[in-house]
N, C-alpha and C. Protein backbone atom coordinates (compact mmCIF):
# COMPACT_ATOMS: atom_id res chain seq x y z
N MET A 1 17.93 -38.64 -100.18
CA MET A 1 18.02 -38.48 -98.72
C MET A 1 18.64 -37.11 -98.41
N ALA A 2 18.07 -36.43 -97.43
CA ALA A 2 18.57 -35.11 -97.08
C ALA A 2 19.92 -35.23 -96.40
N SER A 3 20.80 -34.26 -96.67
CA SER A 3 22.11 -34.25 -96.04
C SER A 3 21.97 -33.83 -94.60
N PRO A 4 22.98 -34.20 -93.74
CA PRO A 4 22.92 -33.80 -92.34
C PRO A 4 22.78 -32.29 -92.16
N GLY A 5 23.44 -31.54 -93.07
CA GLY A 5 23.35 -30.09 -92.97
C GLY A 5 21.95 -29.59 -93.22
N THR A 6 21.30 -30.19 -94.25
CA THR A 6 19.93 -29.79 -94.57
C THR A 6 18.98 -30.16 -93.43
N LEU A 7 19.17 -31.38 -92.87
CA LEU A 7 18.30 -31.83 -91.78
C LEU A 7 18.43 -30.93 -90.57
N SER A 8 19.65 -30.56 -90.21
CA SER A 8 19.85 -29.70 -89.05
C SER A 8 19.26 -28.31 -89.31
N SER A 9 19.34 -27.85 -90.56
CA SER A 9 18.75 -26.55 -90.89
C SER A 9 17.23 -26.60 -90.78
N ASP A 10 16.64 -27.71 -91.23
CA ASP A 10 15.19 -27.86 -91.13
C ASP A 10 14.75 -27.90 -89.67
N LEU A 11 15.49 -28.63 -88.84
CA LEU A 11 15.15 -28.71 -87.43
C LEU A 11 15.26 -27.34 -86.76
N ALA A 12 16.28 -26.59 -87.14
CA ALA A 12 16.46 -25.26 -86.58
C ALA A 12 15.31 -24.34 -86.99
N TYR A 13 14.85 -24.50 -88.24
CA TYR A 13 13.73 -23.69 -88.72
C TYR A 13 12.46 -24.00 -87.95
N VAL A 14 12.20 -25.29 -87.72
CA VAL A 14 11.01 -25.69 -86.95
C VAL A 14 11.11 -25.16 -85.53
N ARG A 15 12.31 -25.23 -84.93
CA ARG A 15 12.49 -24.72 -83.58
C ARG A 15 12.25 -23.22 -83.51
N ASP A 16 12.73 -22.50 -84.52
CA ASP A 16 12.52 -21.05 -84.56
C ASP A 16 11.04 -20.72 -84.67
N LEU A 17 10.31 -21.51 -85.48
CA LEU A 17 8.87 -21.28 -85.61
C LEU A 17 8.17 -21.47 -84.28
N ALA A 18 8.54 -22.55 -83.58
CA ALA A 18 7.91 -22.82 -82.30
C ALA A 18 8.21 -21.71 -81.28
N GLU A 19 9.47 -21.26 -81.26
CA GLU A 19 9.84 -20.21 -80.31
C GLU A 19 9.15 -18.90 -80.65
N ALA A 20 9.00 -18.61 -81.95
CA ALA A 20 8.31 -17.39 -82.36
C ALA A 20 6.85 -17.45 -81.95
N GLY A 21 6.23 -18.62 -82.10
CA GLY A 21 4.83 -18.76 -81.72
C GLY A 21 4.64 -18.62 -80.23
N GLN A 22 5.61 -19.09 -79.43
CA GLN A 22 5.48 -19.03 -77.98
C GLN A 22 5.71 -17.62 -77.44
N ASN A 23 6.57 -16.84 -78.08
CA ASN A 23 6.94 -15.54 -77.55
C ASN A 23 6.00 -14.42 -77.95
N ALA A 24 5.27 -14.58 -79.03
CA ALA A 24 4.40 -13.52 -79.51
C ALA A 24 3.06 -13.56 -78.80
N PRO A 25 2.48 -12.39 -78.49
CA PRO A 25 1.15 -12.37 -77.85
C PRO A 25 0.08 -12.77 -78.85
N LEU A 26 -0.88 -13.56 -78.40
CA LEU A 26 -1.99 -13.97 -79.26
C LEU A 26 -3.07 -12.89 -79.25
N LEU A 27 -3.57 -12.57 -80.43
CA LEU A 27 -4.53 -11.48 -80.58
C LEU A 27 -5.93 -11.98 -80.95
N GLY A 28 -6.13 -13.29 -80.89
CA GLY A 28 -7.42 -13.84 -81.30
C GLY A 28 -8.46 -13.88 -80.20
N GLY A 29 -8.14 -13.32 -79.03
CA GLY A 29 -9.07 -13.39 -77.91
C GLY A 29 -10.42 -12.77 -78.20
N ARG A 30 -10.42 -11.65 -78.92
CA ARG A 30 -11.68 -10.97 -79.22
C ARG A 30 -12.56 -11.81 -80.14
N PHE A 31 -11.93 -12.55 -81.07
CA PHE A 31 -12.70 -13.41 -81.96
C PHE A 31 -13.29 -14.60 -81.20
N LEU A 32 -12.47 -15.19 -80.31
CA LEU A 32 -12.97 -16.30 -79.51
C LEU A 32 -14.10 -15.85 -78.60
N THR A 33 -13.95 -14.69 -78.00
CA THR A 33 -14.99 -14.17 -77.11
C THR A 33 -16.28 -13.90 -77.87
N TRP A 34 -16.14 -13.28 -79.04
CA TRP A 34 -17.31 -12.95 -79.86
C TRP A 34 -18.06 -14.19 -80.30
N TRP A 35 -17.34 -15.12 -80.94
CA TRP A 35 -18.01 -16.30 -81.47
C TRP A 35 -18.44 -17.26 -80.36
N GLY A 36 -17.62 -17.38 -79.32
CA GLY A 36 -18.00 -18.25 -78.21
C GLY A 36 -19.25 -17.75 -77.51
N GLY A 37 -19.30 -16.43 -77.26
CA GLY A 37 -20.49 -15.85 -76.62
C GLY A 37 -21.71 -15.93 -77.51
N LEU A 38 -21.52 -15.63 -78.81
CA LEU A 38 -22.64 -15.64 -79.73
C LEU A 38 -23.22 -17.04 -79.89
N MET A 39 -22.34 -18.05 -80.03
CA MET A 39 -22.82 -19.41 -80.20
C MET A 39 -23.43 -19.96 -78.92
N THR A 40 -22.98 -19.50 -77.78
CA THR A 40 -23.63 -19.90 -76.53
C THR A 40 -25.08 -19.45 -76.52
N VAL A 41 -25.29 -18.19 -76.87
CA VAL A 41 -26.66 -17.65 -76.94
C VAL A 41 -27.46 -18.36 -78.03
N ALA A 42 -26.82 -18.59 -79.19
CA ALA A 42 -27.52 -19.21 -80.31
C ALA A 42 -27.99 -20.62 -79.98
N TYR A 43 -27.13 -21.41 -79.36
CA TYR A 43 -27.48 -22.79 -79.03
C TYR A 43 -28.55 -22.85 -77.94
N VAL A 44 -28.43 -22.00 -76.93
CA VAL A 44 -29.44 -21.99 -75.88
C VAL A 44 -30.78 -21.57 -76.47
N GLY A 45 -30.77 -20.55 -77.33
CA GLY A 45 -32.00 -20.11 -77.97
C GLY A 45 -32.61 -21.21 -78.83
N HIS A 46 -31.78 -21.94 -79.55
CA HIS A 46 -32.27 -23.04 -80.38
C HIS A 46 -32.94 -24.10 -79.50
N PHE A 47 -32.32 -24.44 -78.39
CA PHE A 47 -32.89 -25.43 -77.48
C PHE A 47 -34.26 -24.99 -76.98
N LEU A 48 -34.37 -23.73 -76.57
CA LEU A 48 -35.64 -23.22 -76.04
C LEU A 48 -36.73 -23.22 -77.11
N ILE A 49 -36.37 -22.88 -78.34
CA ILE A 49 -37.35 -22.87 -79.43
C ILE A 49 -37.73 -24.29 -79.82
N ALA A 50 -36.73 -25.16 -79.94
CA ALA A 50 -36.98 -26.54 -80.37
C ALA A 50 -37.83 -27.31 -79.38
N THR A 51 -37.71 -26.97 -78.09
CA THR A 51 -38.48 -27.66 -77.05
C THR A 51 -39.78 -26.91 -76.72
N ASP A 52 -40.08 -25.86 -77.52
CA ASP A 52 -41.31 -25.07 -77.33
C ASP A 52 -41.40 -24.50 -75.92
N SER A 53 -40.24 -24.09 -75.39
CA SER A 53 -40.21 -23.55 -74.03
C SER A 53 -40.53 -22.06 -73.97
N VAL A 54 -40.57 -21.40 -75.12
CA VAL A 54 -40.83 -19.96 -75.15
C VAL A 54 -42.06 -19.62 -75.99
N GLY A 55 -42.86 -20.62 -76.27
CA GLY A 55 -44.08 -20.38 -77.03
C GLY A 55 -43.87 -20.16 -78.51
N ILE A 56 -42.67 -20.51 -79.02
CA ILE A 56 -42.38 -20.38 -80.44
C ILE A 56 -42.03 -21.76 -80.97
N GLY A 57 -42.72 -22.22 -82.00
CA GLY A 57 -42.51 -23.55 -82.52
C GLY A 57 -41.23 -23.71 -83.29
N PRO A 58 -40.77 -24.95 -83.47
CA PRO A 58 -39.53 -25.23 -84.21
C PRO A 58 -39.55 -24.71 -85.64
N GLU A 59 -40.76 -24.49 -86.20
CA GLU A 59 -40.82 -23.98 -87.57
C GLU A 59 -40.27 -22.55 -87.68
N SER A 60 -40.06 -21.91 -86.54
CA SER A 60 -39.55 -20.54 -86.52
C SER A 60 -38.03 -20.48 -86.30
N LEU A 61 -37.38 -21.62 -86.31
CA LEU A 61 -35.94 -21.64 -86.02
C LEU A 61 -35.14 -20.81 -87.02
N TRP A 62 -35.59 -20.78 -88.27
CA TRP A 62 -34.84 -20.00 -89.26
C TRP A 62 -34.87 -18.52 -88.92
N LEU A 63 -35.95 -18.06 -88.26
CA LEU A 63 -36.03 -16.66 -87.84
C LEU A 63 -35.02 -16.35 -86.74
N TRP A 64 -34.54 -17.38 -86.10
CA TRP A 64 -33.52 -17.23 -85.06
C TRP A 64 -32.12 -17.26 -85.67
N TRP A 65 -31.88 -18.21 -86.58
CA TRP A 65 -30.53 -18.41 -87.08
C TRP A 65 -30.11 -17.41 -88.14
N VAL A 66 -31.04 -16.90 -88.91
CA VAL A 66 -30.66 -15.91 -89.94
C VAL A 66 -30.08 -14.65 -89.28
N PRO A 67 -30.75 -14.05 -88.29
CA PRO A 67 -30.13 -12.88 -87.63
C PRO A 67 -28.83 -13.23 -86.93
N ILE A 68 -28.76 -14.43 -86.32
CA ILE A 68 -27.52 -14.84 -85.66
C ILE A 68 -26.37 -14.89 -86.66
N SER A 69 -26.63 -15.45 -87.84
CA SER A 69 -25.59 -15.57 -88.86
C SER A 69 -25.15 -14.19 -89.36
N LEU A 70 -26.12 -13.30 -89.59
CA LEU A 70 -25.78 -11.95 -90.05
C LEU A 70 -25.01 -11.18 -88.99
N LEU A 71 -25.42 -11.32 -87.75
CA LEU A 71 -24.73 -10.65 -86.64
C LEU A 71 -23.31 -11.17 -86.50
N GLY A 72 -23.15 -12.50 -86.62
CA GLY A 72 -21.81 -13.08 -86.53
C GLY A 72 -20.90 -12.58 -87.62
N GLY A 73 -21.41 -12.54 -88.86
CA GLY A 73 -20.59 -12.05 -89.97
C GLY A 73 -20.20 -10.60 -89.82
N ALA A 74 -21.15 -9.77 -89.37
CA ALA A 74 -20.87 -8.35 -89.17
C ALA A 74 -19.82 -8.15 -88.08
N GLY A 75 -19.96 -8.89 -86.99
CA GLY A 75 -18.98 -8.79 -85.91
C GLY A 75 -17.60 -9.22 -86.35
N GLN A 76 -17.53 -10.30 -87.13
CA GLN A 76 -16.24 -10.78 -87.65
C GLN A 76 -15.58 -9.72 -88.51
N PHE A 77 -16.36 -9.08 -89.37
CA PHE A 77 -15.82 -8.04 -90.25
C PHE A 77 -15.25 -6.87 -89.44
N LEU A 78 -15.98 -6.42 -88.45
CA LEU A 78 -15.52 -5.29 -87.64
C LEU A 78 -14.28 -5.65 -86.84
N LEU A 79 -14.25 -6.85 -86.27
CA LEU A 79 -13.09 -7.26 -85.49
C LEU A 79 -11.85 -7.36 -86.36
N GLN A 80 -12.00 -7.88 -87.56
CA GLN A 80 -10.86 -7.96 -88.47
C GLN A 80 -10.35 -6.58 -88.85
N HIS A 81 -11.27 -5.64 -88.99
CA HIS A 81 -10.88 -4.27 -89.35
C HIS A 81 -10.04 -3.64 -88.23
N PHE A 82 -10.46 -3.83 -86.98
CA PHE A 82 -9.77 -3.17 -85.87
C PHE A 82 -8.47 -3.86 -85.49
N ILE A 83 -8.34 -5.16 -85.80
CA ILE A 83 -7.15 -5.87 -85.36
C ILE A 83 -5.96 -5.65 -86.30
N ARG A 84 -6.21 -5.13 -87.48
CA ARG A 84 -5.13 -4.96 -88.45
C ARG A 84 -4.02 -4.05 -87.94
N SER A 85 -4.35 -3.11 -87.09
CA SER A 85 -3.34 -2.16 -86.60
C SER A 85 -2.69 -2.63 -85.30
N LYS A 86 -3.09 -3.80 -84.79
CA LYS A 86 -2.52 -4.28 -83.54
C LYS A 86 -1.10 -4.80 -83.78
N PRO A 87 -0.18 -4.52 -82.86
CA PRO A 87 1.18 -5.04 -83.02
C PRO A 87 1.22 -6.55 -82.83
N GLY A 88 2.05 -7.22 -83.63
CA GLY A 88 2.21 -8.66 -83.51
C GLY A 88 1.24 -9.47 -84.32
N VAL A 89 0.41 -8.81 -85.13
CA VAL A 89 -0.63 -9.54 -85.86
C VAL A 89 -0.04 -10.52 -86.89
N SER A 90 1.18 -10.25 -87.36
CA SER A 90 1.79 -11.12 -88.37
C SER A 90 2.74 -12.16 -87.75
N SER A 91 2.75 -12.30 -86.44
CA SER A 91 3.62 -13.28 -85.80
C SER A 91 3.16 -14.70 -86.14
N THR A 92 4.04 -15.66 -85.91
CA THR A 92 3.72 -17.05 -86.25
C THR A 92 2.49 -17.56 -85.52
N GLY A 93 2.42 -17.31 -84.21
CA GLY A 93 1.29 -17.78 -83.44
C GLY A 93 -0.02 -17.21 -83.93
N ASN A 94 -0.04 -15.92 -84.23
CA ASN A 94 -1.27 -15.29 -84.69
C ASN A 94 -1.65 -15.73 -86.10
N ARG A 95 -0.65 -15.96 -86.94
CA ARG A 95 -0.95 -16.44 -88.29
C ARG A 95 -1.50 -17.86 -88.25
N VAL A 96 -0.93 -18.70 -87.39
CA VAL A 96 -1.43 -20.07 -87.25
C VAL A 96 -2.86 -20.05 -86.73
N GLN A 97 -3.10 -19.24 -85.70
CA GLN A 97 -4.45 -19.15 -85.15
C GLN A 97 -5.45 -18.70 -86.20
N SER A 98 -5.07 -17.71 -86.98
CA SER A 98 -5.97 -17.19 -88.01
C SER A 98 -6.25 -18.24 -89.09
N ILE A 99 -5.19 -18.94 -89.54
CA ILE A 99 -5.35 -19.92 -90.61
C ILE A 99 -6.18 -21.12 -90.15
N VAL A 100 -5.92 -21.59 -88.93
CA VAL A 100 -6.66 -22.75 -88.42
C VAL A 100 -8.15 -22.44 -88.32
N TRP A 101 -8.49 -21.29 -87.75
CA TRP A 101 -9.90 -20.95 -87.59
C TRP A 101 -10.56 -20.62 -88.92
N MET A 102 -9.82 -20.01 -89.84
CA MET A 102 -10.37 -19.76 -91.16
C MET A 102 -10.67 -21.07 -91.88
N SER A 103 -9.77 -22.04 -91.75
CA SER A 103 -9.98 -23.35 -92.35
C SER A 103 -11.19 -24.04 -91.74
N ALA A 104 -11.36 -23.90 -90.43
CA ALA A 104 -12.54 -24.47 -89.77
C ALA A 104 -13.81 -23.84 -90.32
N GLY A 105 -13.75 -22.54 -90.58
CA GLY A 105 -14.91 -21.86 -91.16
C GLY A 105 -15.27 -22.40 -92.53
N PHE A 106 -14.25 -22.72 -93.34
CA PHE A 106 -14.49 -23.30 -94.67
C PHE A 106 -15.16 -24.67 -94.54
N VAL A 107 -14.70 -25.47 -93.58
CA VAL A 107 -15.29 -26.79 -93.36
C VAL A 107 -16.76 -26.66 -93.00
N LEU A 108 -17.07 -25.74 -92.09
CA LEU A 108 -18.46 -25.55 -91.66
C LEU A 108 -19.32 -25.06 -92.82
N PHE A 109 -18.79 -24.15 -93.61
CA PHE A 109 -19.56 -23.64 -94.76
C PHE A 109 -19.89 -24.78 -95.72
N ALA A 110 -18.88 -25.61 -96.02
CA ALA A 110 -19.11 -26.74 -96.93
C ALA A 110 -20.13 -27.72 -96.36
N PHE A 111 -20.03 -27.97 -95.06
CA PHE A 111 -20.96 -28.90 -94.41
C PHE A 111 -22.39 -28.41 -94.49
N PHE A 112 -22.60 -27.15 -94.12
CA PHE A 112 -23.97 -26.63 -94.10
C PHE A 112 -24.53 -26.46 -95.51
N MET A 113 -23.68 -26.18 -96.48
CA MET A 113 -24.16 -26.14 -97.86
C MET A 113 -24.64 -27.53 -98.29
N GLY A 114 -23.92 -28.57 -97.83
CA GLY A 114 -24.35 -29.93 -98.13
C GLY A 114 -25.67 -30.28 -97.47
N VAL A 115 -25.83 -29.88 -96.22
CA VAL A 115 -27.09 -30.15 -95.51
C VAL A 115 -28.25 -29.44 -96.18
N ILE A 116 -28.06 -28.18 -96.50
CA ILE A 116 -29.12 -27.41 -97.16
C ILE A 116 -29.44 -27.98 -98.53
N GLY A 117 -28.40 -28.38 -99.27
CA GLY A 117 -28.63 -28.98 -100.58
C GLY A 117 -29.41 -30.28 -100.50
N ARG A 118 -29.11 -31.08 -99.49
CA ARG A 118 -29.85 -32.34 -99.31
C ARG A 118 -31.32 -32.07 -98.99
N ILE A 119 -31.56 -31.08 -98.16
CA ILE A 119 -32.95 -30.74 -97.81
C ILE A 119 -33.71 -30.24 -99.03
N LEU A 120 -33.07 -29.40 -99.82
CA LEU A 120 -33.75 -28.82 -100.98
C LEU A 120 -34.02 -29.84 -102.08
N PHE A 121 -33.06 -30.73 -102.32
CA PHE A 121 -33.18 -31.63 -103.46
C PHE A 121 -33.75 -33.01 -103.11
N PHE A 122 -33.63 -33.40 -101.83
CA PHE A 122 -34.09 -34.73 -101.46
C PHE A 122 -35.15 -34.72 -100.37
N ASP A 123 -35.56 -33.52 -99.96
CA ASP A 123 -36.62 -33.37 -98.97
C ASP A 123 -36.34 -34.17 -97.69
N GLY A 124 -35.15 -34.07 -97.20
CA GLY A 124 -34.76 -34.76 -95.97
C GLY A 124 -33.38 -34.32 -95.56
N GLY A 125 -32.90 -34.86 -94.46
CA GLY A 125 -31.55 -34.54 -94.03
C GLY A 125 -31.47 -33.51 -92.92
N TYR A 126 -32.63 -33.25 -92.26
CA TYR A 126 -32.61 -32.27 -91.18
C TYR A 126 -31.73 -32.72 -90.01
N GLU A 127 -31.50 -34.02 -89.93
CA GLU A 127 -30.64 -34.51 -88.85
C GLU A 127 -29.22 -33.98 -88.99
N GLY A 128 -28.88 -33.49 -90.18
CA GLY A 128 -27.55 -32.93 -90.37
C GLY A 128 -27.27 -31.75 -89.46
N PHE A 129 -28.31 -30.99 -89.12
CA PHE A 129 -28.12 -29.86 -88.21
C PHE A 129 -27.74 -30.35 -86.82
N TYR A 130 -28.35 -31.46 -86.39
CA TYR A 130 -28.00 -32.02 -85.09
C TYR A 130 -26.55 -32.54 -85.09
N TRP A 131 -26.17 -33.19 -86.19
CA TRP A 131 -24.81 -33.71 -86.27
C TRP A 131 -23.78 -32.60 -86.44
N SER A 132 -24.25 -31.41 -86.80
CA SER A 132 -23.30 -30.31 -86.93
C SER A 132 -22.71 -29.91 -85.59
N VAL A 133 -23.46 -30.14 -84.51
CA VAL A 133 -23.00 -29.68 -83.20
C VAL A 133 -21.72 -30.39 -82.77
N PRO A 134 -21.66 -31.74 -82.75
CA PRO A 134 -20.38 -32.36 -82.38
C PRO A 134 -19.25 -32.02 -83.34
N MET A 135 -19.57 -31.79 -84.62
CA MET A 135 -18.53 -31.41 -85.56
C MET A 135 -17.99 -30.01 -85.24
N VAL A 136 -18.89 -29.09 -84.94
CA VAL A 136 -18.47 -27.74 -84.56
C VAL A 136 -17.62 -27.78 -83.30
N ILE A 137 -18.07 -28.57 -82.32
CA ILE A 137 -17.31 -28.70 -81.07
C ILE A 137 -15.91 -29.26 -81.35
N GLY A 138 -15.83 -30.25 -82.25
CA GLY A 138 -14.53 -30.82 -82.59
C GLY A 138 -13.62 -29.80 -83.25
N LEU A 139 -14.18 -28.94 -84.09
CA LEU A 139 -13.38 -27.89 -84.72
C LEU A 139 -12.94 -26.85 -83.69
N TYR A 140 -13.79 -26.58 -82.69
CA TYR A 140 -13.35 -25.73 -81.58
C TYR A 140 -12.08 -26.33 -80.96
N GLY A 141 -12.15 -27.63 -80.67
CA GLY A 141 -11.02 -28.29 -80.03
C GLY A 141 -9.77 -28.23 -80.89
N LEU A 142 -9.93 -28.47 -82.19
CA LEU A 142 -8.79 -28.43 -83.10
C LEU A 142 -8.14 -27.05 -83.09
N GLY A 143 -8.96 -26.00 -83.23
CA GLY A 143 -8.44 -24.65 -83.25
C GLY A 143 -7.71 -24.28 -81.98
N GLN A 144 -8.31 -24.62 -80.84
CA GLN A 144 -7.70 -24.27 -79.56
C GLN A 144 -6.43 -25.07 -79.29
N PHE A 145 -6.49 -26.36 -79.57
CA PHE A 145 -5.34 -27.22 -79.24
C PHE A 145 -4.13 -26.90 -80.11
N VAL A 146 -4.34 -26.73 -81.42
CA VAL A 146 -3.22 -26.41 -82.31
C VAL A 146 -2.61 -25.07 -81.95
N THR A 147 -3.46 -24.06 -81.72
CA THR A 147 -2.94 -22.75 -81.34
C THR A 147 -2.20 -22.82 -80.02
N GLY A 148 -2.75 -23.58 -79.07
CA GLY A 148 -2.09 -23.72 -77.78
C GLY A 148 -0.73 -24.37 -77.89
N LEU A 149 -0.60 -25.37 -78.76
CA LEU A 149 0.69 -26.03 -78.95
C LEU A 149 1.71 -25.08 -79.57
N ILE A 150 1.31 -24.36 -80.61
CA ILE A 150 2.23 -23.44 -81.28
C ILE A 150 2.65 -22.30 -80.36
N ALA A 151 1.69 -21.76 -79.62
CA ALA A 151 1.97 -20.60 -78.77
C ALA A 151 2.44 -20.97 -77.38
N GLY A 152 2.45 -22.26 -77.05
CA GLY A 152 2.84 -22.67 -75.70
C GLY A 152 1.87 -22.17 -74.65
N ASN A 153 0.58 -22.14 -75.00
CA ASN A 153 -0.45 -21.63 -74.10
C ASN A 153 -1.21 -22.81 -73.50
N GLY A 154 -1.00 -23.06 -72.21
CA GLY A 154 -1.63 -24.19 -71.55
C GLY A 154 -3.14 -24.09 -71.48
N ALA A 155 -3.65 -22.88 -71.31
CA ALA A 155 -5.11 -22.70 -71.22
C ALA A 155 -5.79 -23.10 -72.51
N LEU A 156 -5.20 -22.74 -73.65
CA LEU A 156 -5.78 -23.10 -74.94
C LEU A 156 -5.69 -24.60 -75.19
N LYS A 157 -4.57 -25.21 -74.78
CA LYS A 157 -4.45 -26.66 -74.94
C LYS A 157 -5.51 -27.37 -74.10
N PHE A 158 -5.71 -26.91 -72.88
CA PHE A 158 -6.73 -27.51 -72.02
C PHE A 158 -8.12 -27.31 -72.61
N ALA A 159 -8.38 -26.11 -73.15
CA ALA A 159 -9.67 -25.84 -73.79
C ALA A 159 -9.89 -26.77 -74.98
N GLY A 160 -8.82 -27.04 -75.74
CA GLY A 160 -8.94 -27.95 -76.87
C GLY A 160 -9.28 -29.35 -76.42
N ILE A 161 -8.63 -29.83 -75.38
CA ILE A 161 -8.91 -31.17 -74.86
C ILE A 161 -10.34 -31.25 -74.33
N ALA A 162 -10.78 -30.19 -73.65
CA ALA A 162 -12.16 -30.15 -73.13
C ALA A 162 -13.16 -30.21 -74.28
N ALA A 163 -12.85 -29.51 -75.37
CA ALA A 163 -13.75 -29.53 -76.52
C ALA A 163 -13.77 -30.91 -77.17
N PHE A 164 -12.62 -31.59 -77.21
CA PHE A 164 -12.60 -32.95 -77.75
C PHE A 164 -13.52 -33.85 -76.94
N ALA A 165 -13.47 -33.71 -75.61
CA ALA A 165 -14.36 -34.50 -74.75
C ALA A 165 -15.82 -34.12 -75.02
N GLY A 166 -16.06 -32.82 -75.26
CA GLY A 166 -17.41 -32.36 -75.57
C GLY A 166 -17.93 -32.94 -76.87
N THR A 167 -17.01 -33.24 -77.80
CA THR A 167 -17.42 -33.86 -79.06
C THR A 167 -18.07 -35.21 -78.79
N THR A 168 -17.47 -35.98 -77.89
CA THR A 168 -18.04 -37.27 -77.53
C THR A 168 -19.43 -37.10 -76.95
N ALA A 169 -19.58 -36.14 -76.05
CA ALA A 169 -20.89 -35.88 -75.45
C ALA A 169 -21.89 -35.45 -76.52
N GLY A 170 -21.43 -34.64 -77.48
CA GLY A 170 -22.31 -34.18 -78.54
C GLY A 170 -22.81 -35.32 -79.40
N VAL A 171 -21.94 -36.29 -79.69
CA VAL A 171 -22.36 -37.45 -80.49
C VAL A 171 -23.38 -38.27 -79.72
N VAL A 172 -23.14 -38.49 -78.43
CA VAL A 172 -24.07 -39.25 -77.60
C VAL A 172 -25.45 -38.60 -77.58
N LEU A 173 -25.48 -37.25 -77.54
CA LEU A 173 -26.74 -36.51 -77.43
C LEU A 173 -27.30 -36.07 -78.78
N SER A 174 -26.68 -36.50 -79.87
CA SER A 174 -27.04 -35.98 -81.18
C SER A 174 -28.46 -36.34 -81.63
N ASP A 175 -29.09 -37.27 -80.94
CA ASP A 175 -30.45 -37.66 -81.30
C ASP A 175 -31.49 -36.99 -80.41
N SER A 176 -31.04 -35.99 -79.64
CA SER A 176 -31.97 -35.28 -78.74
C SER A 176 -31.71 -33.78 -78.81
N GLU A 177 -32.66 -33.02 -78.29
CA GLU A 177 -32.50 -31.57 -78.28
C GLU A 177 -31.42 -31.11 -77.30
N TYR A 178 -31.03 -31.99 -76.40
CA TYR A 178 -30.01 -31.61 -75.42
C TYR A 178 -28.63 -31.41 -76.06
N VAL A 179 -28.48 -31.83 -77.31
CA VAL A 179 -27.21 -31.62 -77.99
C VAL A 179 -26.91 -30.13 -78.10
N TRP A 180 -27.96 -29.31 -78.17
CA TRP A 180 -27.76 -27.85 -78.27
C TRP A 180 -27.20 -27.28 -76.97
N LEU A 181 -27.62 -27.85 -75.84
CA LEU A 181 -27.07 -27.40 -74.56
C LEU A 181 -25.61 -27.83 -74.43
N ALA A 182 -25.28 -29.01 -74.95
CA ALA A 182 -23.87 -29.44 -74.94
C ALA A 182 -23.03 -28.48 -75.77
N GLY A 183 -23.55 -28.08 -76.92
CA GLY A 183 -22.84 -27.12 -77.75
C GLY A 183 -22.67 -25.78 -77.06
N ALA A 184 -23.72 -25.34 -76.35
CA ALA A 184 -23.65 -24.06 -75.64
C ALA A 184 -22.59 -24.11 -74.54
N ALA A 185 -22.56 -25.22 -73.80
CA ALA A 185 -21.59 -25.35 -72.71
C ALA A 185 -20.16 -25.30 -73.22
N VAL A 186 -19.89 -26.02 -74.32
CA VAL A 186 -18.53 -26.03 -74.87
C VAL A 186 -18.18 -24.67 -75.46
N ALA A 187 -19.13 -24.05 -76.16
CA ALA A 187 -18.86 -22.73 -76.74
C ALA A 187 -18.48 -21.73 -75.66
N PHE A 188 -19.14 -21.81 -74.52
CA PHE A 188 -18.85 -20.86 -73.44
C PHE A 188 -17.54 -21.19 -72.73
N LEU A 189 -17.39 -22.46 -72.32
CA LEU A 189 -16.25 -22.84 -71.49
C LEU A 189 -14.95 -23.00 -72.28
N ALA A 190 -15.04 -23.48 -73.51
CA ALA A 190 -13.83 -23.78 -74.28
C ALA A 190 -13.49 -22.73 -75.32
N VAL A 191 -14.40 -21.77 -75.55
CA VAL A 191 -14.13 -20.73 -76.55
C VAL A 191 -14.24 -19.33 -75.94
N CYS A 192 -15.39 -19.01 -75.37
CA CYS A 192 -15.60 -17.67 -74.84
C CYS A 192 -14.68 -17.36 -73.66
N VAL A 193 -14.61 -18.25 -72.68
CA VAL A 193 -13.78 -18.00 -71.49
C VAL A 193 -12.30 -17.90 -71.85
N PRO A 194 -11.74 -18.83 -72.65
CA PRO A 194 -10.33 -18.64 -73.06
C PRO A 194 -10.12 -17.35 -73.85
N GLY A 195 -11.13 -16.95 -74.62
CA GLY A 195 -11.02 -15.69 -75.35
C GLY A 195 -10.89 -14.50 -74.41
N LEU A 196 -11.69 -14.50 -73.36
CA LEU A 196 -11.59 -13.43 -72.36
C LEU A 196 -10.23 -13.43 -71.68
N MET A 197 -9.70 -14.63 -71.43
CA MET A 197 -8.37 -14.73 -70.80
C MET A 197 -7.29 -14.16 -71.72
N LEU A 198 -7.39 -14.44 -73.01
CA LEU A 198 -6.41 -13.90 -73.95
C LEU A 198 -6.50 -12.38 -74.04
N MET A 199 -7.71 -11.86 -74.01
CA MET A 199 -7.89 -10.41 -74.09
C MET A 199 -7.28 -9.71 -72.86
N ARG A 200 -7.41 -10.34 -71.70
CA ARG A 200 -6.84 -9.75 -70.49
C ARG A 200 -5.30 -9.73 -70.54
N ARG A 201 -4.73 -10.72 -71.21
CA ARG A 201 -3.26 -10.81 -71.28
C ARG A 201 -2.67 -10.04 -72.45
N GLU A 202 -3.54 -9.55 -73.32
CA GLU A 202 -3.06 -8.88 -74.52
C GLU A 202 -2.39 -7.55 -74.19
N PRO A 203 -1.12 -7.38 -74.54
CA PRO A 203 -0.42 -6.11 -74.24
C PRO A 203 -0.81 -5.02 -75.21
N ALA A 204 -0.59 -3.79 -74.79
CA ALA A 204 -0.89 -2.66 -75.67
C ALA A 204 0.13 -2.56 -76.79
N THR A 205 1.35 -2.96 -76.52
CA THR A 205 2.41 -2.93 -77.53
C THR A 205 3.21 -4.21 -77.45
N THR A 206 3.93 -4.51 -78.51
CA THR A 206 4.80 -5.67 -78.53
C THR A 206 6.24 -5.23 -78.39
N VAL A 207 6.94 -5.83 -77.45
CA VAL A 207 8.35 -5.48 -77.23
C VAL A 207 9.23 -6.28 -78.15
């Protein structure tokens, strides 16, 4: 059993972490804006192609997603390069935000590798792409809500809760093409818009 002194020290450490996360400016706005905007366009484009609304059949969807994936990766690399010199990048709030979203990226990579593997080896499993939408939305919510709690940012907490609600809508619509529009709406409202808000509040220097 921990001694009273150790327990009080642990509580003080947790309190210091929370205060550090609340006082430091969040620098992830550019990443949220980039990925939120890109995924909004990607999901809307997928819906239009899948419903044959633009004269391009669903068999051409890979021609849409490959450039989107390459563009997303290139943008992520450039943003990471430019943010390294920003003040406050190593603060608790920014480190938590970075770790949470990086972990979400690992989950998505593992999921899509599984879907692709199932398609290649078992000639089925395309429904996995549809189910990816509510999962992605849920990870949006996790990233926003956790960061909002650590940083004391009400807008991010609200965005996280909105994304959680969007997860439910995504599951309900997962058997239709409208799931892509649900994903686009959440990507824009719960990721891109909060990202723009963070960028507007981002100071030039940290005091």
